[in-house]
Amino acid sequence: MTGPLHRTHQPSAPARRLGSSVAAVVLAGLVLTGCSPAGDDGEALTTIRFGLPTQMGANNSPMAVAQRLGYFADEGLAVEIVHTKDATSIVQGIDSGSLEIGSTPPEPILQAKSQGNGDDLVLMYNYIRQQTGSIAVLADGPITTIADFEGATIGQASLGTSNMLLSNGILHTEGLEADADFSNLAVGTGAAARQALETGQVDALSLWDTEYAAMEATGVELRYFTTPEVESLFSTSYFTTREFLDERSEQAAGFGRAMAKATLFTSENPEAALTIMYEDFPETRIAGTDEADQLATDVVALERRIELLLAGDPVGTKSFGAYAPEAATAWVDFALEADIIDSPVDPASLYSDDLVERINEFDAAAVIDAAADWEDGE
């Protein structure tokens, strides 16, 4: 083990689990103020309240890596994870100032901007560089074309998830309208979603890549529906306000740099990333399931996600966090066509690449070495 990359830090505080209401997010802002305890060098760590619209799982394991290996602490940051049930609550939390940075696909940001109340919101880090979402059905089921979704019930993680906006949009482009031609039902994720699909409670699921991969790893055969336009879109981003980006750019860049390093570490050693997550977020362990069995399933899911995290070779091109202008334009075009927004949004207002150069200022070889040398219990 070599260099500061191998310093280890336990999470500064347990990840918070809050409801989906903006009031709960604002409450978090009242209790998570100031600075966290000092880091290894004795300097105080500044708290960043980070909104996550899902529970921890294989898809979010780089966050656990960034905490355990001290990537956040190296940037002078202590990250408090605020869980909500949907991205809309996080948009409201960022807008109100009770969160500093949040995680969301672009749809809620586009909606806020199109409604004239999201002018200060900006995507700052392109985390999942290709689309994760699609609509899935059982491979041997009766739905074989998008037209077959007429009259269907589609299972959603929640009725406030951005994946519902995406699936509604996919079906809208084929002439099907929510609540008229099909309906949505909240079924959660994981085993609950699988059971809803297999028992016929729902006809399809609108989830994401890692959820589908985990199901397939346990023997479920799925058929997917999307459109070429959707396949070309980037997915989850980290976002903030332009004020935060301007006034606290070093902290914003440090957050992005920590996540870039954690993403690279995870891609090099997914088993280590998952083991770290299990240890530091024990709620991610499935009760009654042997850890080795869960690890085998979660690795399949995480490896599918890694393909999207590293799309376009951000390591070689030093482009972690970067957006392509044409990708932002494609999002606006799709959102208009899919009736996600009802008025145009300037694609350039959607994102900022101001931090990209600083985000990519790290020793990738050292991170790769750390991943290769990692041993459980570090």
Protein backbone atom coordinates (compact mmCIF):
# COMPACT_ATOMS: atom_id res chain seq x y z
CA MET A 1 0.00 0.00 0.00
CA THR A 2 1.41 3.38 -0.92
CA GLY A 3 0.62 7.06 -0.55
CA PRO A 4 -2.26 8.99 1.02
CA LEU A 5 -4.82 7.12 -1.05
CA HIS A 6 -4.65 4.33 1.49
CA ARG A 7 -5.65 6.31 4.56
CA THR A 8 -8.86 4.89 5.92
CA HIS A 9 -11.77 6.73 7.50
CA GLN A 10 -15.02 5.41 8.84
CA PRO A 11 -18.13 7.41 7.84
CA SER A 12 -18.35 10.51 10.00
CA ALA A 13 -21.96 9.74 10.99
CA PRO A 14 -24.63 7.23 10.10
CA ALA A 15 -26.38 7.86 6.82
CA ARG A 16 -29.70 9.57 7.45
CA ARG A 17 -32.98 8.08 6.32
CA LEU A 18 -35.74 10.58 5.82
CA GLY A 19 -39.15 10.60 4.26
CA SER A 20 -39.87 12.04 0.85
CA SER A 21 -41.40 15.32 1.99
CA VAL A 22 -39.43 18.49 1.58
CA ALA A 23 -40.21 19.31 5.22
CA ALA A 24 -38.10 16.34 6.27
CA VAL A 25 -35.24 17.50 4.07
CA VAL A 26 -35.46 21.00 5.51
CA LEU A 27 -35.38 19.49 9.01
CA ALA A 28 -32.16 17.74 8.06
CA GLY A 29 -30.79 21.15 7.16
CA LEU A 30 -31.52 22.36 10.69
CA VAL A 31 -29.60 19.56 12.41
CA LEU A 32 -26.70 19.06 10.02
CA THR A 33 -24.89 22.39 10.22
CA GLY A 34 -21.32 23.46 10.76
CA CYS A 35 -18.32 21.18 10.48
CA SER A 36 -17.76 17.57 11.30
CA PRO A 37 -15.03 16.23 13.64
CA ALA A 38 -11.48 16.76 12.52
CA GLY A 39 -9.77 14.57 9.94
CA ASP A 40 -6.46 12.73 10.35
CA ASP A 41 -4.50 15.95 9.96
CA GLY A 42 -6.46 17.70 12.72
CA GLU A 43 -8.25 20.04 10.33
CA ALA A 44 -12.03 20.34 10.62
CA LEU A 45 -14.00 18.64 7.87
CA THR A 46 -16.76 20.68 6.27
CA THR A 47 -20.09 18.88 6.14
CA ILE A 48 -21.71 18.41 2.75
CA ARG A 49 -25.33 17.27 2.94
CA PHE A 50 -25.89 14.96 -0.03
CA GLY A 51 -29.38 13.95 -1.15
CA LEU A 52 -29.76 10.37 -2.40
CA PRO A 53 -33.20 9.34 -3.78
CA THR A 54 -32.67 5.62 -3.13
CA GLN A 55 -31.32 3.46 -0.34
CA MET A 56 -27.72 2.34 -0.44
CA GLY A 57 -27.09 -0.63 -2.70
CA ALA A 58 -24.67 -1.99 -5.27
CA ASN A 59 -25.34 0.95 -7.58
CA ASN A 60 -24.22 3.42 -4.89
CA SER A 61 -21.24 1.47 -3.57
CA PRO A 62 -18.69 4.05 -4.83
CA MET A 63 -20.12 6.41 -2.20
CA ALA A 64 -19.17 3.91 0.51
CA VAL A 65 -15.69 3.61 -1.02
CA ALA A 66 -15.21 7.39 -1.01
CA GLN A 67 -16.04 7.47 2.69
CA ARG A 68 -14.03 4.43 3.81
CA LEU A 69 -10.84 5.20 1.87
CA GLY A 70 -10.85 8.84 2.93
CA TYR A 71 -11.38 10.32 -0.52
CA PHE A 72 -13.91 12.79 0.90
CA ALA A 73 -11.76 13.53 3.96
CA ASP A 74 -8.74 14.15 1.71
CA GLU A 75 -10.80 16.99 0.21
CA GLY A 76 -11.67 18.38 3.65
CA LEU A 77 -15.22 17.04 3.43
CA ALA A 78 -17.51 14.97 5.61
CA VAL A 79 -20.47 13.81 3.55
CA GLU A 80 -23.81 13.25 5.28
CA ILE A 81 -26.13 11.10 3.15
CA VAL A 82 -29.77 12.18 3.32
CA HIS A 83 -32.05 9.46 1.93
CA THR A 84 -35.37 10.35 0.33
CA LYS A 85 -37.85 8.29 -1.66
CA ASP A 86 -37.70 10.43 -4.81
CA ALA A 87 -35.62 13.00 -6.64
CA THR A 88 -38.27 15.72 -6.40
CA SER A 89 -37.64 16.07 -2.66
CA ILE A 90 -33.94 16.48 -3.34
CA VAL A 91 -34.57 19.18 -5.95
CA GLN A 92 -36.63 21.03 -3.35
CA GLY A 93 -33.95 20.49 -0.72
CA ILE A 94 -31.20 21.87 -2.97
CA ASP A 95 -33.38 24.80 -3.97
CA SER A 96 -34.16 25.62 -0.33
CA GLY A 97 -30.54 25.29 0.81
CA SER A 98 -31.12 22.37 3.19
CA LEU A 99 -28.92 20.19 0.96
CA GLU A 100 -25.70 21.19 -0.80
CA ILE A 101 -25.45 18.49 -3.49
CA GLY A 102 -27.95 15.93 -4.70
CA SER A 103 -28.30 12.97 -7.02
CA THR A 104 -30.94 12.91 -9.75
CA PRO A 105 -31.59 11.99 -13.36
CA PRO A 106 -32.21 15.10 -15.48
CA GLU A 107 -36.01 14.92 -15.67
CA PRO A 108 -36.85 16.76 -12.40
CA ILE A 109 -34.31 19.49 -13.19
CA LEU A 110 -35.75 19.93 -16.67
CA GLN A 111 -39.25 20.15 -15.22
CA ALA A 112 -38.21 22.75 -12.67
CA LYS A 113 -36.49 24.85 -15.34
CA SER A 114 -39.41 24.59 -17.76
CA GLN A 115 -41.73 25.79 -14.98
CA GLY A 116 -39.51 28.80 -14.31
CA ASN A 117 -38.46 27.86 -10.77
CA GLY A 118 -35.20 26.03 -11.39
CA ASP A 119 -33.02 28.74 -12.87
CA ASP A 120 -30.36 28.33 -10.17
CA LEU A 121 -30.16 24.52 -10.43
CA VAL A 122 -27.28 23.02 -12.41
CA LEU A 123 -25.94 19.55 -13.11
CA MET A 124 -22.30 19.55 -11.93
CA TYR A 125 -21.08 15.95 -12.35
CA ASN A 126 -22.14 13.43 -14.99
CA TYR A 127 -22.09 10.29 -12.83
CA ILE A 128 -23.88 7.65 -14.92
CA ARG A 129 -22.80 8.48 -18.43
CA GLN A 130 -25.34 6.34 -20.28
CA GLN A 131 -29.01 5.63 -19.65
CA THR A 132 -29.93 3.09 -16.97
CA GLY A 133 -33.70 3.12 -17.26
CA SER A 134 -36.04 1.06 -19.42
CA ILE A 135 -39.30 -0.85 -19.09
CA ALA A 136 -38.96 -4.57 -18.41
CA VAL A 137 -41.44 -7.45 -18.69
CA LEU A 138 -41.14 -11.19 -18.22
CA ALA A 139 -39.55 -12.66 -21.33
CA ASP A 140 -42.29 -15.27 -21.70
CA GLY A 141 -45.13 -12.81 -21.03
CA PRO A 142 -47.74 -11.48 -23.46
CA ILE A 143 -46.17 -8.03 -23.97
CA THR A 144 -43.96 -8.13 -27.04
CA THR A 145 -44.37 -4.60 -28.46
CA ILE A 146 -44.86 -1.15 -26.95
CA ALA A 147 -48.43 -1.18 -28.29
CA ASP A 148 -49.11 -4.11 -25.94
CA PHE A 149 -48.70 -1.82 -22.93
CA GLU A 150 -52.21 -0.46 -23.46
CA GLY A 151 -54.13 -1.40 -20.32
CA ALA A 152 -50.96 -2.47 -18.49
CA THR A 153 -49.96 -1.70 -14.91
CA ILE A 154 -46.32 -0.67 -14.58
CA GLY A 155 -44.48 -1.16 -11.30
CA GLN A 156 -42.44 1.79 -10.08
CA ALA A 157 -39.99 2.08 -7.20
CA SER A 158 -42.23 4.94 -6.04
CA LEU A 159 -44.71 7.26 -7.70
CA GLY A 160 -42.31 10.17 -7.31
CA THR A 161 -39.34 8.53 -9.02
CA SER A 162 -37.81 10.02 -12.14
CA ASN A 163 -37.94 6.54 -13.68
CA MET A 164 -41.71 6.97 -13.87
CA LEU A 165 -41.21 10.15 -15.86
CA LEU A 166 -38.88 8.22 -18.17
CA SER A 167 -41.22 5.26 -18.72
CA ASN A 168 -44.22 7.57 -19.14
CA GLY A 169 -42.16 9.42 -21.73
CA ILE A 170 -41.17 6.26 -23.58
CA LEU A 171 -44.82 5.19 -23.86
CA HIS A 172 -45.97 8.73 -24.71
CA THR A 173 -43.73 8.76 -27.77
CA GLU A 174 -45.72 5.73 -28.96
CA GLY A 175 -49.10 7.40 -28.32
CA LEU A 176 -49.89 5.92 -24.89
CA GLU A 177 -50.80 8.22 -22.01
CA ALA A 178 -50.47 7.57 -18.27
CA ASP A 179 -53.75 7.10 -16.37
CA ALA A 180 -55.63 6.79 -19.64
CA ASP A 181 -53.90 3.98 -21.52
CA PHE A 182 -51.86 2.47 -18.69
CA SER A 183 -51.36 2.94 -14.95
CA ASN A 184 -48.43 3.09 -12.53
CA LEU A 185 -48.20 1.33 -9.17
CA ALA A 186 -45.54 1.72 -6.47
CA VAL A 187 -43.98 -1.69 -5.76
CA GLY A 188 -40.56 -0.79 -4.40
CA THR A 189 -37.39 -2.52 -5.57
CA GLY A 190 -35.55 -5.81 -5.10
CA ALA A 191 -37.53 -8.85 -4.00
CA ALA A 192 -40.77 -6.88 -3.65
CA ALA A 193 -40.60 -5.65 -7.25
CA ARG A 194 -39.72 -9.10 -8.53
CA GLN A 195 -42.64 -10.65 -6.68
CA ALA A 196 -45.04 -8.01 -8.03
CA LEU A 197 -43.96 -8.85 -11.57
CA GLU A 198 -43.94 -12.62 -11.20
CA THR A 199 -47.34 -12.78 -9.46
CA GLY A 200 -49.02 -10.53 -12.02
CA GLN A 201 -49.64 -7.64 -9.64
CA VAL A 202 -47.96 -5.56 -12.34
CA ASP A 203 -47.37 -6.29 -16.00
CA ALA A 204 -44.01 -4.53 -16.21
CA LEU A 205 -41.37 -2.78 -14.15
CA SER A 206 -39.81 0.63 -14.66
CA LEU A 207 -36.55 0.31 -12.73
CA TRP A 208 -32.88 0.52 -13.67
CA ASP A 209 -29.92 -1.55 -14.82
CA THR A 210 -28.61 -2.85 -11.50
CA GLU A 211 -32.08 -3.90 -10.33
CA TYR A 212 -32.66 -5.82 -13.55
CA ALA A 213 -29.20 -7.38 -13.46
CA ALA A 214 -29.76 -8.64 -9.91
CA MET A 215 -33.07 -10.22 -10.95
CA GLU A 216 -31.49 -11.90 -13.96
CA ALA A 217 -28.66 -13.19 -11.78
CA THR A 218 -31.28 -15.13 -9.79
CA GLY A 219 -32.84 -16.66 -12.90
CA VAL A 220 -35.52 -14.16 -13.98
CA GLU A 221 -35.62 -13.71 -17.76
CA LEU A 222 -36.62 -10.23 -18.87
CA ARG A 223 -37.49 -8.43 -22.10
CA TYR A 224 -36.71 -4.70 -22.33
CA PHE A 225 -38.41 -1.77 -24.01
CA THR A 226 -36.93 1.64 -24.69
CA THR A 227 -36.30 3.90 -27.69
CA PRO A 228 -33.09 4.80 -29.54
CA GLU A 229 -33.42 8.36 -28.23
CA VAL A 230 -33.53 7.18 -24.62
CA GLU A 231 -30.58 4.82 -25.06
CA SER A 232 -28.40 7.79 -26.10
CA LEU A 233 -29.13 9.85 -22.97
CA PHE A 234 -26.95 10.18 -19.89
CA SER A 235 -28.59 9.23 -16.60
CA THR A 236 -27.95 10.14 -12.96
CA SER A 237 -26.04 13.33 -12.26
CA TYR A 238 -24.94 15.20 -9.18
CA PHE A 239 -26.37 18.70 -9.04
CA THR A 240 -26.31 21.83 -6.94
CA THR A 241 -27.04 25.54 -7.27
CA ARG A 242 -25.01 27.95 -9.32
CA GLU A 243 -24.46 29.94 -6.14
CA PHE A 244 -22.84 26.93 -4.45
CA LEU A 245 -20.81 26.23 -7.59
CA ASP A 246 -19.53 29.82 -7.65
CA GLU A 247 -18.98 30.41 -3.93
CA ARG A 248 -17.78 26.94 -2.88
CA SER A 249 -16.23 25.65 -6.07
CA GLU A 250 -13.29 23.98 -4.27
CA GLN A 251 -15.67 21.90 -2.19
CA ALA A 252 -17.78 21.06 -5.24
CA ALA A 253 -14.69 20.04 -7.20
CA GLY A 254 -13.40 18.05 -4.22
CA PHE A 255 -16.66 16.15 -3.97
CA GLY A 256 -16.49 15.32 -7.67
CA ARG A 257 -12.82 14.32 -7.47
CA ALA A 258 -13.53 12.00 -4.53
CA MET A 259 -16.35 10.33 -6.45
CA ALA A 260 -14.20 10.00 -9.58
CA LYS A 261 -11.50 8.22 -7.56
CA ALA A 262 -14.09 6.02 -5.85
CA THR A 263 -15.66 5.15 -9.20
CA LEU A 264 -12.30 4.12 -10.61
CA PHE A 265 -11.48 2.06 -7.49
CA THR A 266 -14.88 0.34 -7.75
CA SER A 267 -14.38 -0.46 -11.42
CA GLU A 268 -11.03 -2.06 -10.64
CA ASN A 269 -12.21 -4.07 -7.64
CA PRO A 270 -16.03 -4.33 -7.42
CA GLU A 271 -15.83 -7.06 -4.78
CA ALA A 272 -13.89 -4.71 -2.49
CA ALA A 273 -16.40 -1.90 -3.06
CA LEU A 274 -19.30 -4.16 -2.15
CA THR A 275 -17.53 -5.58 0.92
CA ILE A 276 -16.84 -2.04 2.13
CA MET A 277 -20.49 -1.17 1.61
CA TYR A 278 -21.70 -4.23 3.53
CA GLU A 279 -19.43 -3.38 6.47
CA ASP A 280 -20.18 0.34 6.68
CA PHE A 281 -23.84 0.16 5.64
CA PRO A 282 -25.01 -3.12 7.23
CA GLU A 283 -28.59 -2.44 6.15
CA THR A 284 -27.46 -3.36 2.63
CA ARG A 285 -27.03 -6.97 3.73
CA ILE A 286 -30.06 -9.11 2.90
CA ALA A 287 -31.36 -10.88 6.00
CA GLY A 288 -31.07 -14.64 5.80
CA THR A 289 -28.78 -14.56 2.77
CA ASP A 290 -25.20 -15.77 2.94
CA GLU A 291 -22.82 -12.89 2.26
CA ALA A 292 -20.98 -14.84 -0.44
CA ASP A 293 -24.26 -15.49 -2.24
CA GLN A 294 -25.30 -11.86 -2.02
CA LEU A 295 -21.85 -10.76 -3.18
CA ALA A 296 -22.09 -13.00 -6.24
CA THR A 297 -25.43 -11.42 -7.21
CA ASP A 298 -24.40 -7.86 -6.39
CA VAL A 299 -21.19 -8.16 -8.40
CA VAL A 300 -23.23 -8.99 -11.51
CA ALA A 301 -25.38 -5.89 -10.93
CA LEU A 302 -22.43 -3.63 -10.17
CA GLU A 303 -20.44 -4.77 -13.19
CA ARG A 304 -23.37 -3.81 -15.41
CA ARG A 305 -23.40 -0.38 -13.80
CA ILE A 306 -19.64 0.03 -14.17
CA GLU A 307 -20.02 -0.20 -17.95
CA LEU A 308 -22.18 2.94 -17.82
CA LEU A 309 -19.99 4.75 -15.29
CA LEU A 310 -16.95 4.36 -17.56
CA ALA A 311 -18.69 4.92 -20.91
CA GLY A 312 -16.50 7.07 -23.14
CA ASP A 313 -13.33 6.18 -21.21
CA PRO A 314 -13.26 8.99 -18.60
CA VAL A 315 -9.99 7.59 -17.25
CA GLY A 316 -8.09 7.88 -20.53
CA THR A 317 -9.74 11.14 -21.58
CA LYS A 318 -9.71 12.69 -18.09
CA SER A 319 -13.39 13.46 -18.45
CA PHE A 320 -14.97 12.21 -15.23
CA GLY A 321 -18.04 14.37 -14.63
CA ALA A 322 -18.09 15.92 -18.11
CA TYR A 323 -21.17 16.50 -20.28
CA ALA A 324 -21.33 16.57 -24.07
CA PRO A 325 -23.32 19.59 -25.33
CA GLU A 326 -25.16 17.38 -27.81
CA ALA A 327 -26.24 15.10 -24.96
CA ALA A 328 -27.88 18.00 -23.13
CA THR A 329 -29.65 18.99 -26.35
CA ALA A 330 -30.83 15.40 -26.81
CA TRP A 331 -32.30 15.43 -23.30
CA VAL A 332 -34.27 18.61 -23.95
CA ASP A 333 -35.53 17.25 -27.28
CA PHE A 334 -36.64 13.97 -25.70
CA ALA A 335 -38.27 15.70 -22.73
CA LEU A 336 -40.32 17.86 -25.08
CA GLU A 337 -41.29 14.96 -27.34
CA ALA A 338 -42.17 12.76 -24.37
CA ASP A 339 -44.26 15.50 -22.71
CA ILE A 340 -41.99 15.51 -19.65
CA ILE A 341 -41.76 19.29 -20.12
CA ASP A 342 -44.19 21.53 -21.98
CA SER A 343 -41.85 24.39 -22.85
CA PRO A 344 -38.26 24.47 -24.17
CA VAL A 345 -35.24 24.68 -21.87
CA ASP A 346 -31.88 26.09 -22.94
CA PRO A 347 -29.60 23.00 -22.99
CA ALA A 348 -26.63 25.12 -21.93
CA SER A 349 -28.47 26.10 -18.73
CA LEU A 350 -28.83 22.45 -17.71
CA TYR A 351 -25.20 21.71 -16.81
CA SER A 352 -21.78 23.14 -16.04
CA ASP A 353 -18.41 21.69 -17.01
CA ASP A 354 -16.49 24.31 -15.03
CA LEU A 355 -15.18 21.71 -12.56
CA VAL A 356 -14.11 19.00 -14.99
CA GLU A 357 -10.42 19.87 -15.13
CA ARG A 358 -10.12 20.01 -11.32
CA ILE A 359 -12.20 16.87 -10.83
CA ASN A 360 -9.75 14.91 -12.97
CA GLU A 361 -6.62 16.16 -11.18
CA PHE A 362 -5.70 12.94 -9.41
CA ASP A 363 -3.29 10.05 -9.82
CA ALA A 364 -5.34 7.35 -11.52
CA ALA A 365 -2.47 4.84 -11.34
CA ALA A 366 -2.34 5.21 -7.55
CA VAL A 367 -6.08 4.53 -7.29
CA ILE A 368 -5.72 1.46 -9.50
CA ASP A 369 -2.86 0.23 -7.31
CA ALA A 370 -4.99 0.79 -4.19
CA ALA A 371 -7.77 -1.30 -5.68
CA ALA A 372 -5.37 -4.10 -6.56
CA ASP A 373 -3.75 -4.08 -3.11
CA TRP A 374 -6.93 -3.75 -1.06
CA GLU A 375 -7.53 -6.33 1.63
CA ASP A 376 -10.72 -6.80 3.65
CA GLY A 377 -10.54 -5.11 7.02
CA GLU A 378 -8.40 -2.15 5.96
